[in-house]
Amino acid sequence: MTPGRSDTESAESLFDRIGAGDWIRFADFRLDVKERRLLRGDAPVELSPKAFDVLSFLVGRGGRLASKESLLEAVWSGVAVS
């Protein structure tokens, strides 16, 4: 685990940690967590709000495996999901 980062870090805390104007880059995508946008090259990719949260959580883990429980806690905290 990365120091200062819990296994169940929420999407919101990931946004706060990255900082304004920063992008997460992977493959030919850029994820702007502050503006909640995903670009493939220069073209915007539409995502639902929850899909964006899931993607942000997974990409923000830097390739580390995520358990179902940590994903549910980070993205659906306080919501019953079956």
PDB file of N, CA and C in Angstrom:
ATOM      1  N   MET A   1       0.848  -1.182   0.000  1.00  0.00           N
ATOM      2  CA  MET A   1       0.000   0.000   0.000  1.00  0.00           C
ATOM      3  C   MET A   1       0.890   1.241   0.000  1.00  0.00           C
ATOM      4  N   THR A   2       0.451   2.282  -0.686  1.00  0.00           N
ATOM      5  CA  THR A   2       1.193   3.535  -0.748  1.00  0.00           C
ATOM      6  C   THR A   2       1.051   4.270   0.576  1.00  0.00           C
ATOM      7  N   PRO A   3       2.162   4.808   1.120  1.00  0.00           N
ATOM      8  CA  PRO A   3       2.053   5.555   2.385  1.00  0.00           C
ATOM      9  C   PRO A   3       1.064   6.705   2.257  1.00  0.00           C
ATOM     10  N   GLY A   4       0.249   6.892   3.296  1.00  0.00           N
ATOM     11  CA  GLY A   4      -0.709   7.985   3.307  1.00  0.00           C
ATOM     12  C   GLY A   4      -1.956   7.716   2.486  1.00  0.00           C
ATOM     13  N   ARG A   5      -2.121   6.473   2.039  1.00  0.00           N
ATOM     14  CA  ARG A   5      -3.269   6.148   1.198  1.00  0.00           C
ATOM     15  C   ARG A   5      -3.869   4.840   1.678  1.00  0.00           C
ATOM     16  N   SER A   6      -5.141   4.869   2.051  1.00  0.00           N
ATOM     17  CA  SER A   6      -5.780   3.662   2.551  1.00  0.00           C
ATOM     18  C   SER A   6      -6.290   2.817   1.401  1.00  0.00           C
ATOM     19  N   ASP A   7      -6.577   1.568   1.708  1.00  0.00           N
ATOM     20  CA  ASP A   7      -7.080   0.653   0.689  1.00  0.00           C
ATOM     21  C   ASP A   7      -8.466   1.057   0.219  1.00  0.00           C
ATOM     22  N   THR A   8      -9.207   1.791   1.041  1.00  0.00           N
ATOM     23  CA  THR A   8     -10.573   2.179   0.690  1.00  0.00           C
ATOM     24  C   THR A   8     -10.689   3.676   0.452  1.00  0.00           C
ATOM     25  N   GLU A   9      -9.648   4.281  -0.057  1.00  0.00           N
ATOM     26  CA  GLU A   9      -9.671   5.723  -0.312  1.00  0.00           C
ATOM     27  C   GLU A   9     -10.829   6.061  -1.245  1.00  0.00           C
ATOM     28  N   SER A  10     -11.626   7.034  -0.846  1.00  0.00           N
ATOM     29  CA  SER A  10     -12.789   7.417  -1.657  1.00  0.00           C
ATOM     30  C   SER A  10     -12.360   8.202  -2.881  1.00  0.00           C
ATOM     31  N   ALA A  11     -13.254   8.253  -3.863  1.00  0.00           N
ATOM     32  CA  ALA A  11     -12.993   9.035  -5.069  1.00  0.00           C
ATOM     33  C   ALA A  11     -12.750  10.494  -4.698  1.00  0.00           C
ATOM     34  N   GLU A  12     -13.517  11.026  -3.734  1.00  0.00           N
ATOM     35  CA  GLU A  12     -13.355  12.423  -3.347  1.00  0.00           C
ATOM     36  C   GLU A  12     -11.981  12.676  -2.749  1.00  0.00           C
ATOM     37  N   SER A  13     -11.487  11.780  -1.895  1.00  0.00           N
ATOM     38  CA  SER A  13     -10.174  12.016  -1.304  1.00  0.00           C
ATOM     39  C   SER A  13      -9.074  11.854  -2.346  1.00  0.00           C
ATOM     40  N   LEU A  14      -9.280  11.004  -3.339  1.00  0.00           N
ATOM     41  CA  LEU A  14      -8.329  10.901  -4.439  1.00  0.00           C
ATOM     42  C   LEU A  14      -8.250  12.231  -5.164  1.00  0.00           C
ATOM     43  N   PHE A  15      -9.397  12.849  -5.417  1.00  0.00           N
ATOM     44  CA  PHE A  15      -9.426  14.144  -6.104  1.00  0.00           C
ATOM     45  C   PHE A  15      -8.660  15.179  -5.295  1.00  0.00           C
ATOM     46  N   ASP A  16      -8.863  15.204  -3.980  1.00  0.00           N
ATOM     47  CA  ASP A  16      -8.189  16.175  -3.128  1.00  0.00           C
ATOM     48  C   ASP A  16      -6.673  15.950  -3.133  1.00  0.00           C
ATOM     49  N   ARG A  17      -6.245  14.706  -3.134  1.00  0.00           N
ATOM     50  CA  ARG A  17      -4.830  14.369  -3.057  1.00  0.00           C
ATOM     51  C   ARG A  17      -4.099  14.730  -4.342  1.00  0.00           C
ATOM     52  N   ILE A  18      -4.739  14.569  -5.493  1.00  0.00           N
ATOM     53  CA  ILE A  18      -4.082  14.819  -6.770  1.00  0.00           C
ATOM     54  C   ILE A  18      -3.848  16.307  -6.985  1.00  0.00           C
ATOM     55  N   GLY A  19      -4.813  17.145  -6.652  1.00  0.00           N
ATOM     56  CA  GLY A  19      -4.639  18.581  -6.795  1.00  0.00           C
ATOM     57  C   GLY A  19      -5.241  19.122  -8.076  1.00  0.00           C
ATOM     58  N   ALA A  20      -5.531  20.390  -8.064  1.00  0.00           N
ATOM     59  CA  ALA A  20      -6.184  21.046  -9.195  1.00  0.00           C
ATOM     60  C   ALA A  20      -5.284  21.033 -10.420  1.00  0.00           C
ATOM     61  N   GLY A  21      -5.908  20.815 -11.569  1.00  0.00           N
ATOM     62  CA  GLY A  21      -5.201  20.896 -12.832  1.00  0.00           C
ATOM     63  C   GLY A  21      -4.358  19.679 -13.168  1.00  0.00           C
ATOM     64  N   ASP A  22      -4.309  18.700 -12.307  1.00  0.00           N
ATOM     65  CA  ASP A  22      -3.527  17.500 -12.579  1.00  0.00           C
ATOM     66  C   ASP A  22      -4.375  16.457 -13.280  1.00  0.00           C
ATOM     67  N   TRP A  23      -3.712  15.661 -14.073  1.00  0.00           N
ATOM     68  CA  TRP A  23      -4.365  14.597 -14.832  1.00  0.00           C
ATOM     69  C   TRP A  23      -3.756  13.267 -14.442  1.00  0.00           C
ATOM     70  N   ILE A  24      -4.573  12.240 -14.510  1.00  0.00           N
ATOM     71  CA  ILE A  24      -4.061  10.874 -14.432  1.00  0.00           C
ATOM     72  C   ILE A  24      -4.012  10.398 -15.873  1.00  0.00           C
ATOM     73  N   ARG A  25      -2.847   9.955 -16.313  1.00  0.00           N
ATOM     74  CA  ARG A  25      -2.684   9.498 -17.697  1.00  0.00           C
ATOM     75  C   ARG A  25      -2.510   7.988 -17.714  1.00  0.00           C
ATOM     76  N   PHE A  26      -3.205   7.330 -18.637  1.00  0.00           N
ATOM     77  CA  PHE A  26      -3.056   5.892 -18.836  1.00  0.00           C
ATOM     78  C   PHE A  26      -3.425   5.582 -20.282  1.00  0.00           C
ATOM     79  N   ALA A  27      -2.628   4.713 -20.905  1.00  0.00           N
ATOM     80  CA  ALA A  27      -2.781   4.397 -22.333  1.00  0.00           C
ATOM     81  C   ALA A  27      -2.890   5.714 -23.093  1.00  0.00           C
ATOM     82  N   ASP A  28      -3.905   5.869 -23.954  1.00  0.00           N
ATOM     83  CA  ASP A  28      -4.062   7.151 -24.658  1.00  0.00           C
ATOM     84  C   ASP A  28      -5.186   7.982 -24.050  1.00  0.00           C
ATOM     85  N   PHE A  29      -5.430   7.767 -22.749  1.00  0.00           N
ATOM     86  CA  PHE A  29      -6.470   8.491 -22.026  1.00  0.00           C
ATOM     87  C   PHE A  29      -5.852   9.465 -21.034  1.00  0.00           C
ATOM     88  N   ARG A  30      -6.611  10.521 -20.746  1.00  0.00           N
ATOM     89  CA  ARG A  30      -6.281  11.461 -19.670  1.00  0.00           C
ATOM     90  C   ARG A  30      -7.539  11.643 -18.837  1.00  0.00           C
ATOM     91  N   LEU A  31      -7.395  11.475 -17.533  1.00  0.00           N
ATOM     92  CA  LEU A  31      -8.501  11.596 -16.599  1.00  0.00           C
ATOM     93  C   LEU A  31      -8.279  12.847 -15.767  1.00  0.00           C
ATOM     94  N   ASP A  32      -9.179  13.813 -15.905  1.00  0.00           N
ATOM     95  CA  ASP A  32      -9.122  15.059 -15.138  1.00  0.00           C
ATOM     96  C   ASP A  32     -10.100  14.897 -13.981  1.00  0.00           C
ATOM     97  N   VAL A  33      -9.554  14.608 -12.795  1.00  0.00           N
ATOM     98  CA  VAL A  33     -10.423  14.299 -11.667  1.00  0.00           C
ATOM     99  C   VAL A  33     -11.125  15.524 -11.107  1.00  0.00           C
ATOM    100  N   LYS A  34     -10.508  16.682 -11.193  1.00  0.00           N
ATOM    101  CA  LYS A  34     -11.161  17.895 -10.686  1.00  0.00           C
ATOM    102  C   LYS A  34     -12.337  18.296 -11.559  1.00  0.00           C
ATOM    103  N   GLU A  35     -12.175  18.229 -12.860  1.00  0.00           N
ATOM    104  CA  GLU A  35     -13.242  18.604 -13.793  1.00  0.00           C
ATOM    105  C   GLU A  35     -14.154  17.426 -14.147  1.00  0.00           C
ATOM    106  N   ARG A  36     -13.792  16.247 -13.637  1.00  0.00           N
ATOM    107  CA  ARG A  36     -14.563  15.021 -13.876  1.00  0.00           C
ATOM    108  C   ARG A  36     -14.749  14.780 -15.377  1.00  0.00           C
ATOM    109  N   ARG A  37     -13.620  14.771 -16.117  1.00  0.00           N
ATOM    110  CA  ARG A  37     -13.668  14.493 -17.547  1.00  0.00           C
ATOM    111  C   ARG A  37     -12.641  13.432 -17.905  1.00  0.00           C
ATOM    112  N   LEU A  38     -12.982  12.675 -18.924  1.00  0.00           N
ATOM    113  CA  LEU A  38     -12.081  11.684 -19.492  1.00  0.00           C
ATOM    114  C   LEU A  38     -11.890  12.040 -20.952  1.00  0.00           C
ATOM    115  N   LEU A  39     -10.632  12.089 -21.380  1.00  0.00           N
ATOM    116  CA  LEU A  39     -10.327  12.359 -22.777  1.00  0.00           C
ATOM    117  C   LEU A  39      -9.555  11.186 -23.350  1.00  0.00           C
ATOM    118  N   ARG A  40      -9.879  10.833 -24.586  1.00  0.00           N
ATOM    119  CA  ARG A  40      -9.083   9.867 -25.345  1.00  0.00           C
ATOM    120  C   ARG A  40      -8.441  10.675 -26.459  1.00  0.00           C
ATOM    121  N   GLY A  41      -7.158  10.907 -26.339  1.00  0.00           N
ATOM    122  CA  GLY A  41      -6.505  11.881 -27.207  1.00  0.00           C
ATOM    123  C   GLY A  41      -7.056  13.241 -26.813  1.00  0.00           C
ATOM    124  N   ASP A  42      -7.690  13.928 -27.768  1.00  0.00           N
ATOM    125  CA  ASP A  42      -8.331  15.205 -27.470  1.00  0.00           C
ATOM    126  C   ASP A  42      -9.844  15.113 -27.445  1.00  0.00           C
ATOM    127  N   ALA A  43     -10.375  13.898 -27.645  1.00  0.00           N
ATOM    128  CA  ALA A  43     -11.827  13.711 -27.719  1.00  0.00           C
ATOM    129  C   ALA A  43     -12.402  13.342 -26.354  1.00  0.00           C
ATOM    130  N   PRO A  44     -13.447  14.050 -25.917  1.00  0.00           N
ATOM    131  CA  PRO A  44     -14.078  13.698 -24.646  1.00  0.00           C
ATOM    132  C   PRO A  44     -14.794  12.346 -24.732  1.00  0.00           C
ATOM    133  N   VAL A  45     -14.738  11.611 -23.636  1.00  0.00           N
ATOM    134  CA  VAL A  45     -15.433  10.329 -23.514  1.00  0.00           C
ATOM    135  C   VAL A  45     -16.500  10.516 -22.447  1.00  0.00           C
ATOM    136  N   GLU A  46     -17.749  10.263 -22.819  1.00  0.00           N
ATOM    137  CA  GLU A  46     -18.838  10.438 -21.849  1.00  0.00           C
ATOM    138  C   GLU A  46     -18.922   9.233 -20.916  1.00  0.00           C
ATOM    139  N   LEU A  47     -19.022   9.534 -19.633  1.00  0.00           N
ATOM    140  CA  LEU A  47     -19.190   8.527 -18.596  1.00  0.00           C
ATOM    141  C   LEU A  47     -20.286   8.973 -17.651  1.00  0.00           C
ATOM    142  N   SER A  48     -21.021   8.020 -17.122  1.00  0.00           N
ATOM    143  CA  SER A  48     -21.976   8.364 -16.067  1.00  0.00           C
ATOM    144  C   SER A  48     -21.165   8.755 -14.829  1.00  0.00           C
ATOM    145  N   PRO A  49     -21.770   9.495 -13.906  1.00  0.00           N
ATOM    146  CA  PRO A  49     -21.037   9.880 -12.688  1.00  0.00           C
ATOM    147  C   PRO A  49     -20.470   8.686 -11.920  1.00  0.00           C
ATOM    148  N   LYS A  50     -21.230   7.621 -11.803  1.00  0.00           N
ATOM    149  CA  LYS A  50     -20.752   6.456 -11.047  1.00  0.00           C
ATOM    150  C   LYS A  50     -19.635   5.744 -11.797  1.00  0.00           C
ATOM    151  N   ALA A  51     -19.750   5.643 -13.130  1.00  0.00           N
ATOM    152  CA  ALA A  51     -18.678   5.030 -13.924  1.00  0.00           C
ATOM    153  C   ALA A  51     -17.396   5.835 -13.781  1.00  0.00           C
ATOM    154  N   PHE A  52     -17.516   7.169 -13.740  1.00  0.00           N
ATOM    155  CA  PHE A  52     -16.342   8.025 -13.544  1.00  0.00           C
ATOM    156  C   PHE A  52     -15.708   7.737 -12.187  1.00  0.00           C
ATOM    157  N   ASP A  53     -16.520   7.595 -11.145  1.00  0.00           N
ATOM    158  CA  ASP A  53     -15.999   7.301  -9.808  1.00  0.00           C
ATOM    159  C   ASP A  53     -15.260   5.967  -9.772  1.00  0.00           C
ATOM    160  N   VAL A  54     -15.837   4.955 -10.421  1.00  0.00           N
ATOM    161  CA  VAL A  54     -15.203   3.632 -10.467  1.00  0.00           C
ATOM    162  C   VAL A  54     -13.866   3.727 -11.201  1.00  0.00           C
ATOM    163  N   LEU A  55     -13.859   4.356 -12.367  1.00  0.00           N
ATOM    164  CA  LEU A  55     -12.638   4.502 -13.141  1.00  0.00           C
ATOM    165  C   LEU A  55     -11.581   5.272 -12.347  1.00  0.00           C
ATOM    166  N   SER A  56     -11.971   6.369 -11.718  1.00  0.00           N
ATOM    167  CA  SER A  56     -11.032   7.166 -10.924  1.00  0.00           C
ATOM    168  C   SER A  56     -10.416   6.342  -9.805  1.00  0.00           C
ATOM    169  N   PHE A  57     -11.245   5.561  -9.137  1.00  0.00           N
ATOM    170  CA  PHE A  57     -10.755   4.722  -8.046  1.00  0.00           C
ATOM    171  C   PHE A  57      -9.739   3.711  -8.557  1.00  0.00           C
ATOM    172  N   LEU A  58     -10.094   3.011  -9.633  1.00  0.00           N
ATOM    173  CA  LEU A  58      -9.214   1.960 -10.142  1.00  0.00           C
ATOM    174  C   LEU A  58      -7.927   2.522 -10.733  1.00  0.00           C
ATOM    175  N   VAL A  59      -8.014   3.560 -11.528  1.00  0.00           N
ATOM    176  CA  VAL A  59      -6.827   4.161 -12.140  1.00  0.00           C
ATOM    177  C   VAL A  59      -5.941   4.788 -11.064  1.00  0.00           C
ATOM    178  N   GLY A  60      -6.554   5.388 -10.064  1.00  0.00           N
ATOM    179  CA  GLY A  60      -5.798   6.017  -8.994  1.00  0.00           C
ATOM    180  C   GLY A  60      -5.009   5.040  -8.133  1.00  0.00           C
ATOM    181  N   ARG A  61      -5.284   3.764  -8.262  1.00  0.00           N
ATOM    182  CA  ARG A  61      -4.568   2.747  -7.485  1.00  0.00           C
ATOM    183  C   ARG A  61      -3.226   2.393  -8.112  1.00  0.00           C
ATOM    184  N   GLY A  62      -2.958   2.917  -9.297  1.00  0.00           N
ATOM    185  CA  GLY A  62      -1.650   2.699  -9.912  1.00  0.00           C
ATOM    186  C   GLY A  62      -1.323   1.245 -10.195  1.00  0.00           C
ATOM    187  N   GLY A  63      -2.308   0.473 -10.615  1.00  0.00           N
ATOM    188  CA  GLY A  63      -2.065  -0.918 -10.970  1.00  0.00           C
ATOM    189  C   GLY A  63      -2.188  -1.903  -9.830  1.00  0.00           C
ATOM    190  N   ARG A  64      -2.430  -1.399  -8.616  1.00  0.00           N
ATOM    191  CA  ARG A  64      -2.601  -2.319  -7.479  1.00  0.00           C
ATOM    192  C   ARG A  64      -3.982  -2.945  -7.515  1.00  0.00           C
ATOM    193  N   LEU A  65      -4.066  -4.183  -7.133  1.00  0.00           N
ATOM    194  CA  LEU A  65      -5.314  -4.919  -7.082  1.00  0.00           C
ATOM    195  C   LEU A  65      -6.276  -4.276  -6.090  1.00  0.00           C
ATOM    196  N   ALA A  66      -7.559  -4.215  -6.441  1.00  0.00           N
ATOM    197  CA  ALA A  66      -8.592  -3.676  -5.543  1.00  0.00           C
ATOM    198  C   ALA A  66      -9.565  -4.797  -5.200  1.00  0.00           C
ATOM    199  N   SER A  67      -9.888  -4.905  -3.949  1.00  0.00           N
ATOM    200  CA  SER A  67     -10.885  -5.892  -3.547  1.00  0.00           C
ATOM    201  C   SER A  67     -12.278  -5.329  -3.826  1.00  0.00           C
ATOM    202  N   LYS A  68     -13.231  -6.223  -3.935  1.00  0.00           N
ATOM    203  CA  LYS A  68     -14.625  -5.813  -4.114  1.00  0.00           C
ATOM    204  C   LYS A  68     -15.041  -4.908  -2.962  1.00  0.00           C
ATOM    205  N   GLU A  69     -14.630  -5.269  -1.745  1.00  0.00           N
ATOM    206  CA  GLU A  69     -15.011  -4.505  -0.561  1.00  0.00           C
ATOM    207  C   GLU A  69     -14.440  -3.086  -0.608  1.00  0.00           C
ATOM    208  N   SER A  70     -13.179  -2.943  -1.041  1.00  0.00           N
ATOM    209  CA  SER A  70     -12.584  -1.602  -1.082  1.00  0.00           C
ATOM    210  C   SER A  70     -13.244  -0.745  -2.158  1.00  0.00           C
ATOM    211  N   LEU A  71     -13.612  -1.361  -3.286  1.00  0.00           N
ATOM    212  CA  LEU A  71     -14.322  -0.628  -4.337  1.00  0.00           C
ATOM    213  C   LEU A  71     -15.702  -0.195  -3.853  1.00  0.00           C
ATOM    214  N   LEU A  72     -16.425  -1.089  -3.229  1.00  0.00           N
ATOM    215  CA  LEU A  72     -17.752  -0.745  -2.714  1.00  0.00           C
ATOM    216  C   LEU A  72     -17.672   0.369  -1.676  1.00  0.00           C
ATOM    217  N   GLU A  73     -16.697   0.297  -0.787  1.00  0.00           N
ATOM    218  CA  GLU A  73     -16.543   1.317   0.251  1.00  0.00           C
ATOM    219  C   GLU A  73     -16.170   2.670  -0.354  1.00  0.00           C
ATOM    220  N   ALA A  74     -15.292   2.666  -1.338  1.00  0.00           N
ATOM    221  CA  ALA A  74     -14.824   3.923  -1.933  1.00  0.00           C
ATOM    222  C   ALA A  74     -15.878   4.594  -2.796  1.00  0.00           C
ATOM    223  N   VAL A  75     -16.639   3.811  -3.538  1.00  0.00           N
ATOM    224  CA  VAL A  75     -17.566   4.391  -4.527  1.00  0.00           C
ATOM    225  C   VAL A  75     -19.016   4.373  -4.046  1.00  0.00           C
ATOM    226  N   TRP A  76     -19.386   3.357  -3.298  1.00  0.00           N
ATOM    227  CA  TRP A  76     -20.786   3.244  -2.852  1.00  0.00           C
ATOM    228  C   TRP A  76     -20.903   3.297  -1.334  1.00  0.00           C
ATOM    229  N   SER A  77     -20.063   4.031  -0.669  1.00  0.00           N
ATOM    230  CA  SER A  77     -20.074   4.090   0.799  1.00  0.00           C
ATOM    231  C   SER A  77     -21.469   4.494   1.307  1.00  0.00           C
ATOM    232  N   GLY A  78     -21.997   3.671   2.213  1.00  0.00           N
ATOM    233  CA  GLY A  78     -23.290   3.974   2.821  1.00  0.00           C
ATOM    234  C   GLY A  78     -24.494   3.587   1.972  1.00  0.00           C
ATOM    235  N   VAL A  79     -24.260   2.969   0.815  1.00  0.00           N
ATOM    236  CA  VAL A  79     -25.348   2.565  -0.075  1.00  0.00           C
ATOM    237  C   VAL A  79     -25.376   1.043  -0.141  1.00  0.00           C
ATOM    238  N   ALA A  80     -26.548   0.451  -0.031  1.00  0.00           N
ATOM    239  CA  ALA A  80     -26.684  -0.990  -0.148  1.00  0.00           C
ATOM    240  C   ALA A  80     -26.553  -1.382  -1.620  1.00  0.00           C
ATOM    241  N   VAL A  81     -25.548  -2.218  -1.922  1.00  0.00           N
ATOM    242  CA  VAL A  81     -25.316  -2.682  -3.294  1.00  0.00           C
ATOM    243  C   VAL A  81     -25.345  -4.187  -3.275  1.00  0.00           C
ATOM    244  N   SER A  82     -26.089  -4.780  -4.204  1.00  0.00           N
ATOM    245  CA  SER A  82     -26.134  -6.250  -4.235  1.00  0.00           C
ATOM    246  C   SER A  82     -25.515  -6.775  -5.504  1.00  0.00           C
TER     247      SER A  82
END
